[in-house]
Amino acid sequence: MKEAIGMVETRSLVGAIEAADAMVKSADVKIVDFQFVGSGFISVIVSGDVAAVESAVANGQERAAKIAEVITANVLPRPYMETDKVLNNSSE
């Protein structure tokens, strides 16, 4: 994986959908994964170039926080190649 990845985790499905919507509308990113972690925790993971992912995560976090609890948000600017395997396995 040569692109940056960004994550927003909320304690609400509606908050996660709001974050995902804001992220893809605000920057040139694509949704890589949408994980139902458990106990109401939902993670949305996007990828793209570093600036786009940083902007998308900031916007997604801000929008989700208006309607739900944001647990965490993070950007990995240059993830290690093995990180791609973790993301691919989580979708199966």
PDB file of N, CA and C in Angstrom:
ATOM      1  N   MET A   1       0.849  -1.174   0.000  1.00  0.00           N
ATOM      2  CA  MET A   1       0.000   0.000   0.000  1.00  0.00           C
ATOM      3  C   MET A   1       0.893   1.236   0.000  1.00  0.00           C
ATOM      4  N   LYS A   2       0.771   2.030  -1.021  1.00  0.00           N
ATOM      5  CA  LYS A   2       1.602   3.228  -1.121  1.00  0.00           C
ATOM      6  C   LYS A   2       0.836   4.476  -0.713  1.00  0.00           C
ATOM      7  N   GLU A   3      -0.452   4.348  -0.540  1.00  0.00           N
ATOM      8  CA  GLU A   3      -1.263   5.491  -0.168  1.00  0.00           C
ATOM      9  C   GLU A   3      -1.385   5.585   1.343  1.00  0.00           C
ATOM     10  N   ALA A   4      -1.693   6.782   1.820  1.00  0.00           N
ATOM     11  CA  ALA A   4      -1.959   6.977   3.236  1.00  0.00           C
ATOM     12  C   ALA A   4      -3.302   6.345   3.578  1.00  0.00           C
ATOM     13  N   ILE A   5      -3.459   5.972   4.845  1.00  0.00           N
ATOM     14  CA  ILE A   5      -4.761   5.492   5.295  1.00  0.00           C
ATOM     15  C   ILE A   5      -5.201   6.311   6.504  1.00  0.00           C
ATOM     16  N   GLY A   6      -6.489   6.516   6.606  1.00  0.00           N
ATOM     17  CA  GLY A   6      -7.047   7.272   7.718  1.00  0.00           C
ATOM     18  C   GLY A   6      -8.228   6.532   8.305  1.00  0.00           C
ATOM     19  N   MET A   7      -8.417   6.676   9.617  1.00  0.00           N
ATOM     20  CA  MET A   7      -9.465   5.949  10.313  1.00  0.00           C
ATOM     21  C   MET A   7     -10.250   6.876  11.225  1.00  0.00           C
ATOM     22  N   VAL A   8     -11.542   6.678  11.271  1.00  0.00           N
ATOM     23  CA  VAL A   8     -12.407   7.346  12.244  1.00  0.00           C
ATOM     24  C   VAL A   8     -13.249   6.248  12.869  1.00  0.00           C
ATOM     25  N   GLU A   9     -13.260   6.212  14.195  1.00  0.00           N
ATOM     26  CA  GLU A   9     -14.063   5.224  14.912  1.00  0.00           C
ATOM     27  C   GLU A   9     -15.079   5.946  15.775  1.00  0.00           C
ATOM     28  N   THR A  10     -16.333   5.510  15.683  1.00  0.00           N
ATOM     29  CA  THR A  10     -17.411   6.129  16.451  1.00  0.00           C
ATOM     30  C   THR A  10     -18.146   5.059  17.260  1.00  0.00           C
ATOM     31  N   ARG A  11     -18.976   5.531  18.165  1.00  0.00           N
ATOM     32  CA  ARG A  11     -19.823   4.609  18.932  1.00  0.00           C
ATOM     33  C   ARG A  11     -21.258   4.739  18.416  1.00  0.00           C
ATOM     34  N   SER A  12     -21.421   4.672  17.107  1.00  0.00           N
ATOM     35  CA  SER A  12     -22.739   4.820  16.512  1.00  0.00           C
ATOM     36  C   SER A  12     -22.656   4.522  15.021  1.00  0.00           C
ATOM     37  N   LEU A  13     -23.579   3.721  14.521  1.00  0.00           N
ATOM     38  CA  LEU A  13     -23.623   3.451  13.091  1.00  0.00           C
ATOM     39  C   LEU A  13     -23.910   4.725  12.312  1.00  0.00           C
ATOM     40  N   VAL A  14     -24.847   5.515  12.804  1.00  0.00           N
ATOM     41  CA  VAL A  14     -25.195   6.763  12.115  1.00  0.00           C
ATOM     42  C   VAL A  14     -23.993   7.715  12.105  1.00  0.00           C
ATOM     43  N   GLY A  15     -23.255   7.783  13.213  1.00  0.00           N
ATOM     44  CA  GLY A  15     -22.051   8.613  13.265  1.00  0.00           C
ATOM     45  C   GLY A  15     -20.996   8.146  12.281  1.00  0.00           C
ATOM     46  N   ALA A  16     -20.847   6.832  12.141  1.00  0.00           N
ATOM     47  CA  ALA A  16     -19.868   6.290  11.199  1.00  0.00           C
ATOM     48  C   ALA A  16     -20.272   6.583   9.758  1.00  0.00           C
ATOM     49  N   ILE A  17     -21.559   6.471   9.473  1.00  0.00           N
ATOM     50  CA  ILE A  17     -22.037   6.793   8.127  1.00  0.00           C
ATOM     51  C   ILE A  17     -21.840   8.276   7.840  1.00  0.00           C
ATOM     52  N   GLU A  18     -22.108   9.108   8.816  1.00  0.00           N
ATOM     53  CA  GLU A  18     -21.894  10.548   8.665  1.00  0.00           C
ATOM     54  C   GLU A  18     -20.412  10.842   8.406  1.00  0.00           C
ATOM     55  N   ALA A  19     -19.525  10.188   9.156  1.00  0.00           N
ATOM     56  CA  ALA A  19     -18.083  10.381   8.960  1.00  0.00           C
ATOM     57  C   ALA A  19     -17.664   9.929   7.570  1.00  0.00           C
ATOM     58  N   ALA A  20     -18.138   8.755   7.146  1.00  0.00           N
ATOM     59  CA  ALA A  20     -17.791   8.232   5.820  1.00  0.00           C
ATOM     60  C   ALA A  20     -18.264   9.173   4.717  1.00  0.00           C
ATOM     61  N   ASP A  21     -19.489   9.661   4.843  1.00  0.00           N
ATOM     62  CA  ASP A  21     -20.042  10.585   3.860  1.00  0.00           C
ATOM     63  C   ASP A  21     -19.212  11.862   3.778  1.00  0.00           C
ATOM     64  N   ALA A  22     -18.872  12.417   4.933  1.00  0.00           N
ATOM     65  CA  ALA A  22     -18.067  13.648   4.963  1.00  0.00           C
ATOM     66  C   ALA A  22     -16.680  13.419   4.372  1.00  0.00           C
ATOM     67  N   MET A  23     -16.090  12.271   4.669  1.00  0.00           N
ATOM     68  CA  MET A  23     -14.730  12.006   4.179  1.00  0.00           C
ATOM     69  C   MET A  23     -14.676  11.905   2.663  1.00  0.00           C
ATOM     70  N   VAL A  24     -15.594  11.149   2.062  1.00  0.00           N
ATOM     71  CA  VAL A  24     -15.529  10.984   0.608  1.00  0.00           C
ATOM     72  C   VAL A  24     -15.990  12.230  -0.144  1.00  0.00           C
ATOM     73  N   LYS A  25     -16.808  13.057   0.491  1.00  0.00           N
ATOM     74  CA  LYS A  25     -17.249  14.289  -0.157  1.00  0.00           C
ATOM     75  C   LYS A  25     -16.224  15.411  -0.052  1.00  0.00           C
ATOM     76  N   SER A  26     -15.392  15.383   0.982  1.00  0.00           N
ATOM     77  CA  SER A  26     -14.490  16.509   1.227  1.00  0.00           C
ATOM     78  C   SER A  26     -13.112  16.354   0.594  1.00  0.00           C
ATOM     79  N   ALA A  27     -12.754  15.150   0.176  1.00  0.00           N
ATOM     80  CA  ALA A  27     -11.409  14.944  -0.374  1.00  0.00           C
ATOM     81  C   ALA A  27     -11.434  13.743  -1.318  1.00  0.00           C
ATOM     82  N   ASP A  28     -10.381  13.625  -2.106  1.00  0.00           N
ATOM     83  CA  ASP A  28     -10.266  12.532  -3.067  1.00  0.00           C
ATOM     84  C   ASP A  28      -9.732  11.290  -2.364  1.00  0.00           C
ATOM     85  N   VAL A  29     -10.614  10.622  -1.625  1.00  0.00           N
ATOM     86  CA  VAL A  29     -10.272   9.396  -0.910  1.00  0.00           C
ATOM     87  C   VAL A  29     -11.296   8.332  -1.258  1.00  0.00           C
ATOM     88  N   LYS A  30     -10.938   7.088  -0.984  1.00  0.00           N
ATOM     89  CA  LYS A  30     -11.898   6.005  -1.194  1.00  0.00           C
ATOM     90  C   LYS A  30     -12.016   5.196   0.093  1.00  0.00           C
ATOM     91  N   ILE A  31     -13.191   4.678   0.335  1.00  0.00           N
ATOM     92  CA  ILE A  31     -13.412   3.859   1.525  1.00  0.00           C
ATOM     93  C   ILE A  31     -12.794   2.487   1.286  1.00  0.00           C
ATOM     94  N   VAL A  32     -11.913   2.098   2.198  1.00  0.00           N
ATOM     95  CA  VAL A  32     -11.223   0.816   2.112  1.00  0.00           C
ATOM     96  C   VAL A  32     -11.968  -0.229   2.929  1.00  0.00           C
ATOM     97  N   ASP A  33     -12.481   0.166   4.076  1.00  0.00           N
ATOM     98  CA  ASP A  33     -13.115  -0.791   4.969  1.00  0.00           C
ATOM     99  C   ASP A  33     -14.102  -0.078   5.885  1.00  0.00           C
ATOM    100  N   PHE A  34     -15.114  -0.819   6.294  1.00  0.00           N
ATOM    101  CA  PHE A  34     -16.147  -0.339   7.214  1.00  0.00           C
ATOM    102  C   PHE A  34     -16.357  -1.480   8.190  1.00  0.00           C
ATOM    103  N   GLN A  35     -15.797  -1.387   9.376  1.00  0.00           N
ATOM    104  CA  GLN A  35     -15.781  -2.499  10.322  1.00  0.00           C
ATOM    105  C   GLN A  35     -16.740  -2.280  11.489  1.00  0.00           C
ATOM    106  N   PHE A  36     -17.552  -3.279  11.763  1.00  0.00           N
ATOM    107  CA  PHE A  36     -18.388  -3.298  12.955  1.00  0.00           C
ATOM    108  C   PHE A  36     -17.563  -3.997  14.029  1.00  0.00           C
ATOM    109  N   VAL A  37     -16.954  -3.221  14.905  1.00  0.00           N
ATOM    110  CA  VAL A  37     -16.007  -3.751  15.876  1.00  0.00           C
ATOM    111  C   VAL A  37     -16.723  -4.493  16.991  1.00  0.00           C
ATOM    112  N   GLY A  38     -17.836  -3.982  17.447  1.00  0.00           N
ATOM    113  CA  GLY A  38     -18.602  -4.578  18.544  1.00  0.00           C
ATOM    114  C   GLY A  38     -18.956  -3.525  19.565  1.00  0.00           C
ATOM    115  N   SER A  39     -19.969  -3.790  20.371  1.00  0.00           N
ATOM    116  CA  SER A  39     -20.442  -2.860  21.401  1.00  0.00           C
ATOM    117  C   SER A  39     -20.748  -1.475  20.839  1.00  0.00           C
ATOM    118  N   GLY A  40     -21.194  -1.428  19.601  1.00  0.00           N
ATOM    119  CA  GLY A  40     -21.556  -0.161  18.983  1.00  0.00           C
ATOM    120  C   GLY A  40     -20.408   0.588  18.336  1.00  0.00           C
ATOM    121  N   PHE A  41     -19.197   0.062  18.413  1.00  0.00           N
ATOM    122  CA  PHE A  41     -18.044   0.722  17.799  1.00  0.00           C
ATOM    123  C   PHE A  41     -17.992   0.379  16.316  1.00  0.00           C
ATOM    124  N   ILE A  42     -17.875   1.414  15.490  1.00  0.00           N
ATOM    125  CA  ILE A  42     -17.781   1.239  14.045  1.00  0.00           C
ATOM    126  C   ILE A  42     -16.571   2.029  13.560  1.00  0.00           C
ATOM    127  N   SER A  43     -15.737   1.395  12.741  1.00  0.00           N
ATOM    128  CA  SER A  43     -14.557   2.056  12.183  1.00  0.00           C
ATOM    129  C   SER A  43     -14.718   2.216  10.679  1.00  0.00           C
ATOM    130  N   VAL A  44     -14.373   3.395  10.195  1.00  0.00           N
ATOM    131  CA  VAL A  44     -14.358   3.672   8.763  1.00  0.00           C
ATOM    132  C   VAL A  44     -12.911   3.946   8.388  1.00  0.00           C
ATOM    133  N   ILE A  45     -12.416   3.255   7.368  1.00  0.00           N
ATOM    134  CA  ILE A  45     -11.033   3.421   6.931  1.00  0.00           C
ATOM    135  C   ILE A  45     -11.039   3.889   5.484  1.00  0.00           C
ATOM    136  N   VAL A  46     -10.285   4.954   5.216  1.00  0.00           N
ATOM    137  CA  VAL A  46     -10.174   5.499   3.870  1.00  0.00           C
ATOM    138  C   VAL A  46      -8.708   5.522   3.449  1.00  0.00           C
ATOM    139  N   SER A  47      -8.478   5.633   2.139  1.00  0.00           N
ATOM    140  CA  SER A  47      -7.109   5.757   1.636  1.00  0.00           C
ATOM    141  C   SER A  47      -7.059   6.792   0.527  1.00  0.00           C
ATOM    142  N   GLY A  48      -5.859   7.306   0.297  1.00  0.00           N
ATOM    143  CA  GLY A  48      -5.620   8.319  -0.720  1.00  0.00           C
ATOM    144  C   GLY A  48      -4.274   8.961  -0.461  1.00  0.00           C
ATOM    145  N   ASP A  49      -4.023  10.096  -1.112  1.00  0.00           N
ATOM    146  CA  ASP A  49      -2.747  10.761  -0.823  1.00  0.00           C
ATOM    147  C   ASP A  49      -2.812  11.406   0.561  1.00  0.00           C
ATOM    148  N   VAL A  50      -1.657  11.705   1.125  1.00  0.00           N
ATOM    149  CA  VAL A  50      -1.570  12.126   2.527  1.00  0.00           C
ATOM    150  C   VAL A  50      -2.438  13.344   2.829  1.00  0.00           C
ATOM    151  N   ALA A  51      -2.332  14.377   2.028  1.00  0.00           N
ATOM    152  CA  ALA A  51      -3.094  15.602   2.290  1.00  0.00           C
ATOM    153  C   ALA A  51      -4.602  15.346   2.220  1.00  0.00           C
ATOM    154  N   ALA A  52      -5.015  14.559   1.244  1.00  0.00           N
ATOM    155  CA  ALA A  52      -6.435  14.259   1.101  1.00  0.00           C
ATOM    156  C   ALA A  52      -6.948  13.455   2.292  1.00  0.00           C
ATOM    157  N   VAL A  53      -6.173  12.483   2.740  1.00  0.00           N
ATOM    158  CA  VAL A  53      -6.592  11.652   3.879  1.00  0.00           C
ATOM    159  C   VAL A  53      -6.640  12.486   5.156  1.00  0.00           C
ATOM    160  N   GLU A  54      -5.649  13.335   5.365  1.00  0.00           N
ATOM    161  CA  GLU A  54      -5.658  14.193   6.561  1.00  0.00           C
ATOM    162  C   GLU A  54      -6.883  15.090   6.577  1.00  0.00           C
ATOM    163  N   SER A  55      -7.186  15.700   5.438  1.00  0.00           N
ATOM    164  CA  SER A  55      -8.355  16.565   5.339  1.00  0.00           C
ATOM    165  C   SER A  55      -9.645  15.775   5.542  1.00  0.00           C
ATOM    166  N   ALA A  56      -9.727  14.615   4.910  1.00  0.00           N
ATOM    167  CA  ALA A  56     -10.930  13.792   5.012  1.00  0.00           C
ATOM    168  C   ALA A  56     -11.171  13.335   6.445  1.00  0.00           C
ATOM    169  N   VAL A  57     -10.132  12.897   7.132  1.00  0.00           N
ATOM    170  CA  VAL A  57     -10.293  12.428   8.509  1.00  0.00           C
ATOM    171  C   VAL A  57     -10.716  13.577   9.422  1.00  0.00           C
ATOM    172  N   ALA A  58     -10.106  14.742   9.250  1.00  0.00           N
ATOM    173  CA  ALA A  58     -10.491  15.897  10.066  1.00  0.00           C
ATOM    174  C   ALA A  58     -11.961  16.251   9.849  1.00  0.00           C
ATOM    175  N   ASN A  59     -12.397  16.263   8.605  1.00  0.00           N
ATOM    176  CA  ASN A  59     -13.797  16.574   8.306  1.00  0.00           C
ATOM    177  C   ASN A  59     -14.742  15.484   8.796  1.00  0.00           C
ATOM    178  N   GLY A  60     -14.362  14.233   8.613  1.00  0.00           N
ATOM    179  CA  GLY A  60     -15.186  13.127   9.078  1.00  0.00           C
ATOM    180  C   GLY A  60     -15.346  13.124  10.587  1.00  0.00           C
ATOM    181  N   GLN A  61     -14.244  13.398  11.279  1.00  0.00           N
ATOM    182  CA  GLN A  61     -14.276  13.441  12.740  1.00  0.00           C
ATOM    183  C   GLN A  61     -15.170  14.585  13.222  1.00  0.00           C
ATOM    184  N   GLU A  62     -15.041  15.729  12.596  1.00  0.00           N
ATOM    185  CA  GLU A  62     -15.841  16.898  12.981  1.00  0.00           C
ATOM    186  C   GLU A  62     -17.337  16.654  12.769  1.00  0.00           C
ATOM    187  N   ARG A  63     -17.688  16.113  11.605  1.00  0.00           N
ATOM    188  CA  ARG A  63     -19.102  15.872  11.301  1.00  0.00           C
ATOM    189  C   ARG A  63     -19.698  14.791  12.189  1.00  0.00           C
ATOM    190  N   ALA A  64     -18.945  13.710  12.426  1.00  0.00           N
ATOM    191  CA  ALA A  64     -19.455  12.623  13.265  1.00  0.00           C
ATOM    192  C   ALA A  64     -19.647  13.086  14.702  1.00  0.00           C
ATOM    193  N   ALA A  65     -18.762  13.962  15.183  1.00  0.00           N
ATOM    194  CA  ALA A  65     -18.834  14.436  16.570  1.00  0.00           C
ATOM    195  C   ALA A  65     -20.100  15.246  16.835  1.00  0.00           C
ATOM    196  N   LYS A  66     -20.728  15.756  15.796  1.00  0.00           N
ATOM    197  CA  LYS A  66     -21.960  16.526  15.976  1.00  0.00           C
ATOM    198  C   LYS A  66     -23.139  15.637  16.356  1.00  0.00           C
ATOM    199  N   ILE A  67     -23.077  14.354  15.997  1.00  0.00           N
ATOM    200  CA  ILE A  67     -24.227  13.481  16.249  1.00  0.00           C
ATOM    201  C   ILE A  67     -23.889  12.217  17.030  1.00  0.00           C
ATOM    202  N   ALA A  68     -22.597  11.954  17.261  1.00  0.00           N
ATOM    203  CA  ALA A  68     -22.207  10.718  17.945  1.00  0.00           C
ATOM    204  C   ALA A  68     -20.892  10.924  18.680  1.00  0.00           C
ATOM    205  N   GLU A  69     -20.554   9.947  19.495  1.00  0.00           N
ATOM    206  CA  GLU A  69     -19.266   9.980  20.188  1.00  0.00           C
ATOM    207  C   GLU A  69     -18.180   9.447  19.255  1.00  0.00           C
ATOM    208  N   VAL A  70     -17.155  10.264  19.029  1.00  0.00           N
ATOM    209  CA  VAL A  70     -16.004   9.823  18.249  1.00  0.00           C
ATOM    210  C   VAL A  70     -15.010   9.215  19.227  1.00  0.00           C
ATOM    211  N   ILE A  71     -14.671   7.967  19.012  1.00  0.00           N
ATOM    212  CA  ILE A  71     -13.743   7.268  19.891  1.00  0.00           C
ATOM    213  C   ILE A  71     -12.308   7.667  19.569  1.00  0.00           C
ATOM    214  N   THR A  72     -11.955   7.607  18.307  1.00  0.00           N
ATOM    215  CA  THR A  72     -10.598   7.981  17.892  1.00  0.00           C
ATOM    216  C   THR A  72     -10.571   8.256  16.396  1.00  0.00           C
ATOM    217  N   ALA A  73      -9.531   8.953  15.980  1.00  0.00           N
ATOM    218  CA  ALA A  73      -9.265   9.202  14.561  1.00  0.00           C
ATOM    219  C   ALA A  73      -7.760   9.229  14.388  1.00  0.00           C
ATOM    220  N   ASN A  74      -7.286   8.690  13.277  1.00  0.00           N
ATOM    221  CA  ASN A  74      -5.849   8.611  13.064  1.00  0.00           C
ATOM    222  C   ASN A  74      -5.539   8.569  11.578  1.00  0.00           C
ATOM    223  N   VAL A  75      -4.350   9.078  11.232  1.00  0.00           N
ATOM    224  CA  VAL A  75      -3.853   9.024   9.861  1.00  0.00           C
ATOM    225  C   VAL A  75      -2.490   8.358   9.877  1.00  0.00           C
ATOM    226  N   LEU A  76      -2.305   7.383   8.989  1.00  0.00           N
ATOM    227  CA  LEU A  76      -0.996   6.768   8.784  1.00  0.00           C
ATOM    228  C   LEU A  76      -0.485   7.245   7.433  1.00  0.00           C
ATOM    229  N   PRO A  77       0.462   8.201   7.440  1.00  0.00           N
ATOM    230  CA  PRO A  77       0.898   8.805   6.178  1.00  0.00           C
ATOM    231  C   PRO A  77       1.611   7.829   5.238  1.00  0.00           C
ATOM    232  N   ARG A  78       2.442   6.980   5.775  1.00  0.00           N
ATOM    233  CA  ARG A  78       3.160   6.008   4.948  1.00  0.00           C
ATOM    234  C   ARG A  78       3.117   4.649   5.646  1.00  0.00           C
ATOM    235  N   PRO A  79       1.991   3.963   5.563  1.00  0.00           N
ATOM    236  CA  PRO A  79       1.893   2.687   6.276  1.00  0.00           C
ATOM    237  C   PRO A  79       2.859   1.655   5.697  1.00  0.00           C
ATOM    238  N   TYR A  80       3.345   0.808   6.569  1.00  0.00           N
ATOM    239  CA  TYR A  80       4.228  -0.274   6.171  1.00  0.00           C
ATOM    240  C   TYR A  80       3.460  -1.214   5.249  1.00  0.00           C
ATOM    241  N   MET A  81       4.158  -1.845   4.323  1.00  0.00           N
ATOM    242  CA  MET A  81       3.501  -2.703   3.323  1.00  0.00           C
ATOM    243  C   MET A  81       2.668  -3.820   3.951  1.00  0.00           C
ATOM    244  N   GLU A  82       3.069  -4.345   5.085  1.00  0.00           N
ATOM    245  CA  GLU A  82       2.331  -5.422   5.742  1.00  0.00           C
ATOM    246  C   GLU A  82       0.963  -4.963   6.250  1.00  0.00           C
ATOM    247  N   THR A  83       0.788  -3.663   6.441  1.00  0.00           N
ATOM    248  CA  THR A  83      -0.497  -3.141   6.899  1.00  0.00           C
ATOM    249  C   THR A  83      -1.606  -3.474   5.912  1.00  0.00           C
ATOM    250  N   ASP A  84      -1.271  -3.509   4.642  1.00  0.00           N
ATOM    251  CA  ASP A  84      -2.242  -3.854   3.605  1.00  0.00           C
ATOM    252  C   ASP A  84      -2.817  -5.249   3.839  1.00  0.00           C
ATOM    253  N   LYS A  85      -1.990  -6.187   4.312  1.00  0.00           N
ATOM    254  CA  LYS A  85      -2.469  -7.543   4.588  1.00  0.00           C
ATOM    255  C   LYS A  85      -3.495  -7.544   5.718  1.00  0.00           C
ATOM    256  N   VAL A  86      -3.290  -6.722   6.713  1.00  0.00           N
ATOM    257  CA  VAL A  86      -4.222  -6.644   7.833  1.00  0.00           C
ATOM    258  C   VAL A  86      -5.581  -6.142   7.333  1.00  0.00           C
ATOM    259  N   LEU A  87      -5.575  -5.117   6.516  1.00  0.00           N
ATOM    260  CA  LEU A  87      -6.829  -4.576   5.987  1.00  0.00           C
ATOM    261  C   LEU A  87      -7.531  -5.566   5.079  1.00  0.00           C
ATOM    262  N   ASN A  88      -6.781  -6.265   4.250  1.00  0.00           N
ATOM    263  CA  ASN A  88      -7.389  -7.244   3.345  1.00  0.00           C
ATOM    264  C   ASN A  88      -7.975  -8.424   4.106  1.00  0.00           C
ATOM    265  N   ASN A  89      -7.339  -8.844   5.189  1.00  0.00           N
ATOM    266  CA  ASN A  89      -7.853  -9.960   5.973  1.00  0.00           C
ATOM    267  C   ASN A  89      -9.089  -9.582   6.764  1.00  0.00           C
ATOM    268  N   SER A  90      -9.197  -8.307   7.164  1.00  0.00           N
ATOM    269  CA  SER A  90     -10.342  -7.891   7.982  1.00  0.00           C
ATOM    270  C   SER A  90     -11.626  -7.867   7.177  1.00  0.00           C
ATOM    271  N   SER A  91     -11.539  -7.809   5.860  1.00  0.00           N
ATOM    272  CA  SER A  91     -12.729  -7.770   5.003  1.00  0.00           C
ATOM    273  C   SER A  91     -13.310  -9.151   4.760  1.00  0.00           C
ATOM    274  N   GLU A  92     -12.554 -10.195   5.040  1.00  0.00           N
ATOM    275  CA  GLU A  92     -12.999 -11.550   4.729  1.00  0.00           C
ATOM    276  C   GLU A  92     -13.908 -12.102   5.789  1.00  0.00           C
TER     277      GLU A  92
END
